[in-house]
Amino acid sequence: MQTITSNGVSLYSFADADAVTVLTDKIETPSFIIGDLNSSNATLHLGVTLPADWVNSKYLFDGIAWTLNPAWVKFIDPELAASVRTERDALLAASDWTQVADAPVDQAAWAVYRQALRDVTTQDGFPDAVVWPVKPE
């Protein structure tokens, strides 16, 4: 693989076979031109192995080692997040009855389940890869 870095931040990745050319006024790739990067502010690294979870700007690369970029912020798709919250809210509403005083269920188990539903938005995979809690029996 190849990566283009600027100020140490890995911004783009390409297959080894892709022809990437760093010029004095731009960088040319097989699919597009990068007009704001050039030979004075970017470096093309060849033959690199990207981290398995590589995404634009998540990592710093110094030519040898990868480190997490402390300034990186994960993009959260607002529509997907809203959809997950809607599903979570429906599951909470459907289990409201389990918390009334005379509900014939293990209320403690249902309280744990309901808290896990509330915590869905704090999961590392939210909203792309949510692990839904399992309803008590």
N, C-alpha and C. Protein backbone atom coordinates (compact mmCIF):
# COMPACT_ATOMS: atom_id res chain seq x y z
N MET A 1 0.85 -1.19 0.00
CA MET A 1 0.00 0.00 0.00
C MET A 1 0.89 1.24 0.00
N GLN A 2 0.27 2.34 -0.35
CA GLN A 2 0.92 3.64 -0.32
C GLN A 2 0.06 4.57 0.53
N THR A 3 0.69 5.51 1.19
CA THR A 3 -0.06 6.53 1.91
C THR A 3 0.57 7.89 1.68
N ILE A 4 -0.26 8.89 1.63
CA ILE A 4 0.20 10.27 1.54
C ILE A 4 0.01 10.89 2.91
N THR A 5 1.10 11.48 3.43
CA THR A 5 1.01 12.18 4.71
C THR A 5 1.32 13.66 4.53
N SER A 6 0.74 14.45 5.41
CA SER A 6 1.06 15.87 5.50
C SER A 6 1.13 16.19 6.98
N ASN A 7 2.23 16.78 7.41
CA ASN A 7 2.47 17.03 8.83
C ASN A 7 2.34 15.75 9.65
N GLY A 8 2.72 14.63 9.04
CA GLY A 8 2.68 13.35 9.73
C GLY A 8 1.34 12.64 9.71
N VAL A 9 0.28 13.33 9.29
CA VAL A 9 -1.07 12.74 9.29
C VAL A 9 -1.28 11.97 7.99
N SER A 10 -1.68 10.70 8.11
CA SER A 10 -1.96 9.87 6.94
C SER A 10 -3.33 10.26 6.37
N LEU A 11 -3.31 10.85 5.19
CA LEU A 11 -4.54 11.42 4.62
C LEU A 11 -5.19 10.57 3.54
N TYR A 12 -4.38 9.86 2.76
CA TYR A 12 -4.90 9.06 1.65
C TYR A 12 -4.15 7.74 1.63
N SER A 13 -4.81 6.70 1.10
CA SER A 13 -4.13 5.43 0.88
C SER A 13 -4.49 4.93 -0.52
N PHE A 14 -3.54 4.22 -1.10
CA PHE A 14 -3.69 3.69 -2.45
C PHE A 14 -3.03 2.32 -2.52
N ALA A 15 -3.49 1.52 -3.47
CA ALA A 15 -2.86 0.23 -3.71
C ALA A 15 -1.46 0.46 -4.28
N ASP A 16 -0.59 -0.52 -4.07
CA ASP A 16 0.78 -0.40 -4.58
C ASP A 16 0.81 -0.18 -6.09
N ALA A 17 -0.13 -0.78 -6.80
CA ALA A 17 -0.14 -0.69 -8.26
C ALA A 17 -0.63 0.66 -8.79
N ASP A 18 -1.26 1.46 -7.92
CA ASP A 18 -1.78 2.76 -8.36
C ASP A 18 -0.63 3.73 -8.62
N ALA A 19 -0.73 4.44 -9.74
CA ALA A 19 0.28 5.43 -10.08
C ALA A 19 -0.06 6.74 -9.40
N VAL A 20 0.71 7.08 -8.36
CA VAL A 20 0.52 8.32 -7.63
C VAL A 20 1.76 9.18 -7.88
N THR A 21 1.54 10.41 -8.34
CA THR A 21 2.66 11.29 -8.68
C THR A 21 2.58 12.56 -7.86
N VAL A 22 3.66 12.83 -7.12
CA VAL A 22 3.74 14.04 -6.31
C VAL A 22 4.50 15.09 -7.12
N LEU A 23 3.81 16.18 -7.44
CA LEU A 23 4.40 17.25 -8.24
C LEU A 23 4.57 18.51 -7.39
N THR A 24 5.18 19.53 -7.96
CA THR A 24 5.42 20.77 -7.20
C THR A 24 4.14 21.54 -6.91
N ASP A 25 3.08 21.31 -7.69
CA ASP A 25 1.85 22.08 -7.50
C ASP A 25 0.62 21.24 -7.17
N LYS A 26 0.75 19.89 -7.17
CA LYS A 26 -0.40 19.02 -6.90
C LYS A 26 0.07 17.58 -6.78
N ILE A 27 -0.86 16.71 -6.42
CA ILE A 27 -0.62 15.27 -6.43
C ILE A 27 -1.65 14.66 -7.36
N GLU A 28 -1.17 13.85 -8.31
CA GLU A 28 -2.06 13.19 -9.26
C GLU A 28 -2.20 11.73 -8.86
N THR A 29 -3.45 11.26 -8.85
CA THR A 29 -3.76 9.87 -8.55
C THR A 29 -4.54 9.31 -9.74
N PRO A 30 -4.78 8.01 -9.78
CA PRO A 30 -5.54 7.44 -10.89
C PRO A 30 -6.97 7.99 -10.99
N SER A 31 -7.54 8.42 -9.86
CA SER A 31 -8.95 8.81 -9.85
C SER A 31 -9.20 10.30 -9.68
N PHE A 32 -8.24 11.03 -9.13
CA PHE A 32 -8.48 12.44 -8.83
C PHE A 32 -7.15 13.17 -8.64
N ILE A 33 -7.26 14.48 -8.58
CA ILE A 33 -6.10 15.34 -8.32
C ILE A 33 -6.28 15.97 -6.95
N ILE A 34 -5.21 15.98 -6.18
CA ILE A 34 -5.23 16.62 -4.87
C ILE A 34 -4.53 17.97 -5.03
N GLY A 35 -5.32 19.02 -5.09
CA GLY A 35 -4.78 20.34 -5.38
C GLY A 35 -4.16 21.06 -4.21
N ASP A 36 -4.52 20.66 -2.98
CA ASP A 36 -3.98 21.38 -1.82
C ASP A 36 -2.74 20.71 -1.22
N LEU A 37 -2.30 19.59 -1.82
CA LEU A 37 -1.07 18.94 -1.40
C LEU A 37 -0.10 18.89 -2.57
N ASN A 38 1.18 18.96 -2.25
CA ASN A 38 2.21 18.94 -3.30
C ASN A 38 3.53 18.50 -2.68
N SER A 39 4.60 18.57 -3.46
CA SER A 39 5.90 18.09 -2.99
C SER A 39 6.46 18.89 -1.82
N SER A 40 5.95 20.09 -1.57
CA SER A 40 6.48 20.89 -0.47
C SER A 40 5.75 20.64 0.86
N ASN A 41 4.56 20.05 0.81
CA ASN A 41 3.81 19.86 2.06
C ASN A 41 3.27 18.45 2.26
N ALA A 42 3.71 17.50 1.44
CA ALA A 42 3.22 16.13 1.56
C ALA A 42 4.33 15.14 1.22
N THR A 43 4.18 13.92 1.75
CA THR A 43 5.15 12.85 1.49
C THR A 43 4.37 11.60 1.07
N LEU A 44 4.87 10.94 0.03
CA LEU A 44 4.29 9.67 -0.41
C LEU A 44 5.17 8.55 0.14
N HIS A 45 4.55 7.67 0.93
CA HIS A 45 5.25 6.52 1.51
C HIS A 45 4.82 5.27 0.75
N LEU A 46 5.79 4.51 0.27
CA LEU A 46 5.52 3.30 -0.51
C LEU A 46 5.71 2.05 0.34
N GLY A 47 4.98 0.98 -0.03
CA GLY A 47 5.17 -0.31 0.61
C GLY A 47 4.82 -0.35 2.08
N VAL A 48 3.79 0.39 2.48
CA VAL A 48 3.40 0.42 3.88
C VAL A 48 2.27 -0.58 4.14
N THR A 49 2.15 -0.99 5.37
CA THR A 49 1.02 -1.81 5.80
C THR A 49 0.15 -0.93 6.67
N LEU A 50 -1.06 -0.66 6.20
CA LEU A 50 -1.97 0.20 6.94
C LEU A 50 -2.53 -0.51 8.16
N PRO A 51 -2.82 0.22 9.23
CA PRO A 51 -3.54 -0.39 10.35
C PRO A 51 -4.88 -0.93 9.85
N ALA A 52 -5.35 -2.00 10.47
CA ALA A 52 -6.59 -2.66 10.02
C ALA A 52 -7.78 -1.71 10.01
N ASP A 53 -7.80 -0.76 10.92
CA ASP A 53 -8.94 0.17 11.00
C ASP A 53 -8.60 1.55 10.45
N TRP A 54 -7.66 1.60 9.51
CA TRP A 54 -7.23 2.87 8.93
C TRP A 54 -8.40 3.60 8.28
N VAL A 55 -8.52 4.86 8.61
CA VAL A 55 -9.39 5.80 7.90
C VAL A 55 -8.64 7.12 7.83
N ASN A 56 -9.04 7.93 6.87
CA ASN A 56 -8.40 9.22 6.65
C ASN A 56 -8.22 9.98 7.95
N SER A 57 -7.00 10.38 8.24
CA SER A 57 -6.61 11.24 9.36
C SER A 57 -6.61 10.57 10.73
N LYS A 58 -6.97 9.29 10.82
CA LYS A 58 -7.01 8.64 12.14
C LYS A 58 -5.61 8.37 12.68
N TYR A 59 -4.65 8.20 11.78
CA TYR A 59 -3.30 7.82 12.20
C TYR A 59 -2.25 8.81 11.75
N LEU A 60 -1.18 8.87 12.54
CA LEU A 60 0.04 9.57 12.18
C LEU A 60 1.01 8.51 11.69
N PHE A 61 1.83 8.87 10.69
CA PHE A 61 2.82 7.93 10.19
C PHE A 61 4.11 8.69 9.96
N ASP A 62 5.19 8.21 10.56
CA ASP A 62 6.48 8.90 10.45
C ASP A 62 7.42 8.24 9.47
N GLY A 63 6.90 7.32 8.67
CA GLY A 63 7.73 6.58 7.72
C GLY A 63 8.12 5.21 8.26
N ILE A 64 7.92 5.02 9.57
CA ILE A 64 8.27 3.74 10.20
C ILE A 64 7.10 3.20 11.02
N ALA A 65 6.57 4.04 11.89
CA ALA A 65 5.56 3.58 12.85
C ALA A 65 4.26 4.37 12.72
N TRP A 66 3.17 3.69 13.05
CA TRP A 66 1.84 4.29 13.08
C TRP A 66 1.47 4.60 14.53
N THR A 67 0.87 5.76 14.76
CA THR A 67 0.32 6.09 16.07
C THR A 67 -1.03 6.75 15.86
N LEU A 68 -1.91 6.58 16.83
CA LEU A 68 -3.21 7.23 16.74
C LEU A 68 -3.04 8.74 16.74
N ASN A 69 -3.79 9.42 15.92
CA ASN A 69 -3.78 10.87 15.86
C ASN A 69 -4.65 11.40 17.00
N PRO A 70 -4.07 12.08 17.98
CA PRO A 70 -4.88 12.55 19.10
C PRO A 70 -5.94 13.59 18.70
N ALA A 71 -5.79 14.20 17.53
CA ALA A 71 -6.76 15.20 17.08
C ALA A 71 -7.90 14.59 16.26
N TRP A 72 -7.82 13.26 16.00
CA TRP A 72 -8.83 12.62 15.15
C TRP A 72 -10.17 12.51 15.89
N VAL A 73 -11.24 12.81 15.17
CA VAL A 73 -12.59 12.67 15.71
C VAL A 73 -13.38 11.79 14.75
N LYS A 74 -13.97 10.73 15.28
CA LYS A 74 -14.76 9.82 14.45
C LYS A 74 -15.98 10.54 13.88
N PHE A 75 -16.22 10.36 12.60
CA PHE A 75 -17.43 10.89 11.97
C PHE A 75 -18.60 9.99 12.33
N ILE A 76 -19.66 10.58 12.82
CA ILE A 76 -20.88 9.84 13.13
C ILE A 76 -21.97 10.32 12.17
N ASP A 77 -22.49 9.39 11.39
CA ASP A 77 -23.55 9.69 10.44
C ASP A 77 -24.81 10.05 11.24
N PRO A 78 -25.27 11.29 11.15
CA PRO A 78 -26.41 11.71 11.97
C PRO A 78 -27.69 10.94 11.67
N GLU A 79 -27.92 10.57 10.42
CA GLU A 79 -29.13 9.82 10.07
C GLU A 79 -29.09 8.40 10.65
N LEU A 80 -27.93 7.76 10.56
CA LEU A 80 -27.79 6.42 11.11
C LEU A 80 -27.91 6.47 12.63
N ALA A 81 -27.30 7.46 13.26
CA ALA A 81 -27.39 7.61 14.72
C ALA A 81 -28.85 7.81 15.14
N ALA A 82 -29.58 8.63 14.40
CA ALA A 82 -30.99 8.86 14.73
C ALA A 82 -31.80 7.58 14.58
N SER A 83 -31.49 6.80 13.56
CA SER A 83 -32.19 5.53 13.34
C SER A 83 -31.94 4.56 14.49
N VAL A 84 -30.69 4.47 14.94
CA VAL A 84 -30.35 3.59 16.05
C VAL A 84 -31.06 4.07 17.32
N ARG A 85 -31.06 5.37 17.56
CA ARG A 85 -31.75 5.90 18.75
C ARG A 85 -33.25 5.61 18.71
N THR A 86 -33.85 5.71 17.52
CA THR A 86 -35.27 5.42 17.36
C THR A 86 -35.55 3.95 17.71
N GLU A 87 -34.70 3.06 17.22
CA GLU A 87 -34.88 1.64 17.53
C GLU A 87 -34.70 1.40 19.03
N ARG A 88 -33.68 2.02 19.61
CA ARG A 88 -33.44 1.90 21.06
C ARG A 88 -34.65 2.40 21.85
N ASP A 89 -35.18 3.56 21.46
CA ASP A 89 -36.33 4.14 22.16
C ASP A 89 -37.56 3.23 22.08
N ALA A 90 -37.74 2.58 20.94
CA ALA A 90 -38.87 1.66 20.78
C ALA A 90 -38.71 0.44 21.69
N LEU A 91 -37.48 -0.06 21.79
CA LEU A 91 -37.24 -1.20 22.69
C LEU A 91 -37.45 -0.80 24.15
N LEU A 92 -37.04 0.41 24.50
CA LEU A 92 -37.30 0.88 25.87
C LEU A 92 -38.80 1.01 26.13
N ALA A 93 -39.52 1.61 25.19
CA ALA A 93 -40.96 1.79 25.37
C ALA A 93 -41.68 0.44 25.48
N ALA A 94 -41.22 -0.53 24.69
CA ALA A 94 -41.85 -1.86 24.71
C ALA A 94 -41.59 -2.60 26.01
N SER A 95 -40.60 -2.15 26.77
CA SER A 95 -40.30 -2.84 28.03
C SER A 95 -40.63 -1.99 29.26
N ASP A 96 -41.29 -0.87 29.06
CA ASP A 96 -41.69 -0.03 30.20
C ASP A 96 -42.50 -0.81 31.23
N TRP A 97 -43.38 -1.68 30.76
CA TRP A 97 -44.28 -2.42 31.64
C TRP A 97 -43.52 -3.29 32.65
N THR A 98 -42.27 -3.64 32.33
CA THR A 98 -41.51 -4.52 33.22
C THR A 98 -41.08 -3.83 34.51
N GLN A 99 -41.24 -2.51 34.55
CA GLN A 99 -40.76 -1.77 35.71
C GLN A 99 -41.86 -1.34 36.67
N VAL A 100 -43.11 -1.72 36.38
CA VAL A 100 -44.19 -1.43 37.33
C VAL A 100 -44.08 -2.40 38.51
N ALA A 101 -44.54 -1.98 39.67
CA ALA A 101 -44.33 -2.72 40.91
C ALA A 101 -44.81 -4.18 40.86
N ASP A 102 -45.93 -4.44 40.19
CA ASP A 102 -46.47 -5.81 40.21
C ASP A 102 -46.20 -6.59 38.92
N ALA A 103 -45.21 -6.17 38.11
CA ALA A 103 -44.87 -6.90 36.87
C ALA A 103 -44.33 -8.28 37.24
N PRO A 104 -44.84 -9.34 36.59
CA PRO A 104 -44.43 -10.70 36.93
C PRO A 104 -43.12 -11.11 36.24
N VAL A 105 -42.08 -10.30 36.42
CA VAL A 105 -40.79 -10.55 35.77
C VAL A 105 -39.68 -10.28 36.78
N ASP A 106 -38.47 -10.66 36.40
CA ASP A 106 -37.30 -10.32 37.21
C ASP A 106 -36.96 -8.86 36.91
N GLN A 107 -37.46 -7.97 37.75
CA GLN A 107 -37.31 -6.54 37.49
C GLN A 107 -35.85 -6.11 37.47
N ALA A 108 -35.01 -6.71 38.29
CA ALA A 108 -33.60 -6.34 38.30
C ALA A 108 -32.94 -6.66 36.96
N ALA A 109 -33.27 -7.85 36.41
CA ALA A 109 -32.71 -8.24 35.11
C ALA A 109 -33.19 -7.29 34.01
N TRP A 110 -34.47 -6.93 34.06
CA TRP A 110 -35.00 -6.01 33.07
C TRP A 110 -34.41 -4.61 33.25
N ALA A 111 -34.13 -4.19 34.46
CA ALA A 111 -33.50 -2.89 34.70
C ALA A 111 -32.10 -2.86 34.09
N VAL A 112 -31.37 -3.97 34.22
CA VAL A 112 -30.03 -4.07 33.63
C VAL A 112 -30.14 -3.99 32.10
N TYR A 113 -31.08 -4.72 31.53
CA TYR A 113 -31.32 -4.69 30.08
C TYR A 113 -31.64 -3.28 29.60
N ARG A 114 -32.53 -2.61 30.32
CA ARG A 114 -32.94 -1.26 29.92
C ARG A 114 -31.77 -0.28 30.04
N GLN A 115 -30.91 -0.45 31.03
CA GLN A 115 -29.74 0.42 31.14
C GLN A 115 -28.79 0.16 29.98
N ALA A 116 -28.64 -1.10 29.61
CA ALA A 116 -27.79 -1.44 28.46
C ALA A 116 -28.33 -0.80 27.18
N LEU A 117 -29.65 -0.74 27.04
CA LEU A 117 -30.23 -0.04 25.88
C LEU A 117 -29.88 1.44 25.92
N ARG A 118 -29.97 2.05 27.09
CA ARG A 118 -29.63 3.48 27.20
C ARG A 118 -28.15 3.72 26.88
N ASP A 119 -27.30 2.72 27.18
CA ASP A 119 -25.86 2.86 26.97
C ASP A 119 -25.41 2.56 25.55
N VAL A 120 -26.33 2.16 24.67
CA VAL A 120 -25.98 1.82 23.29
C VAL A 120 -25.20 2.96 22.62
N THR A 121 -25.58 4.19 22.90
CA THR A 121 -24.92 5.33 22.23
C THR A 121 -23.50 5.56 22.72
N THR A 122 -23.08 4.89 23.78
CA THR A 122 -21.71 5.05 24.28
C THR A 122 -20.79 3.92 23.81
N GLN A 123 -21.32 2.97 23.05
CA GLN A 123 -20.51 1.87 22.54
C GLN A 123 -19.49 2.40 21.52
N ASP A 124 -18.31 1.77 21.47
CA ASP A 124 -17.29 2.16 20.51
C ASP A 124 -17.80 2.06 19.07
N GLY A 125 -18.66 1.10 18.79
CA GLY A 125 -19.15 0.89 17.43
C GLY A 125 -20.35 1.74 17.04
N PHE A 126 -20.85 2.56 17.95
CA PHE A 126 -22.03 3.37 17.66
C PHE A 126 -21.72 4.41 16.60
N PRO A 127 -22.59 4.59 15.61
CA PRO A 127 -23.83 3.87 15.34
C PRO A 127 -23.67 2.76 14.31
N ASP A 128 -22.45 2.54 13.84
CA ASP A 128 -22.22 1.62 12.73
C ASP A 128 -22.31 0.15 13.11
N ALA A 129 -21.88 -0.20 14.31
CA ALA A 129 -21.81 -1.61 14.70
C ALA A 129 -22.28 -1.75 16.14
N VAL A 130 -23.54 -1.52 16.36
CA VAL A 130 -24.11 -1.60 17.70
C VAL A 130 -24.31 -3.06 18.09
N VAL A 131 -23.95 -3.38 19.33
CA VAL A 131 -24.24 -4.69 19.89
C VAL A 131 -25.44 -4.53 20.80
N TRP A 132 -26.56 -5.08 20.35
CA TRP A 132 -27.81 -4.92 21.10
C TRP A 132 -27.84 -5.87 22.28
N PRO A 133 -28.28 -5.40 23.44
CA PRO A 133 -28.41 -6.31 24.59
C PRO A 133 -29.54 -7.31 24.34
N VAL A 134 -29.44 -8.46 25.04
CA VAL A 134 -30.44 -9.51 24.89
C VAL A 134 -31.48 -9.35 26.00
N LYS A 135 -32.76 -9.44 25.60
CA LYS A 135 -33.86 -9.32 26.56
C LYS A 135 -33.80 -10.46 27.57
N PRO A 136 -34.07 -10.15 28.81
CA PRO A 136 -34.17 -11.23 29.80
C PRO A 136 -35.39 -12.11 29.48
N GLU A 137 -35.37 -13.31 30.00
CA GLU A 137 -36.52 -14.22 29.78
C GLU A 137 -37.51 -14.12 30.91
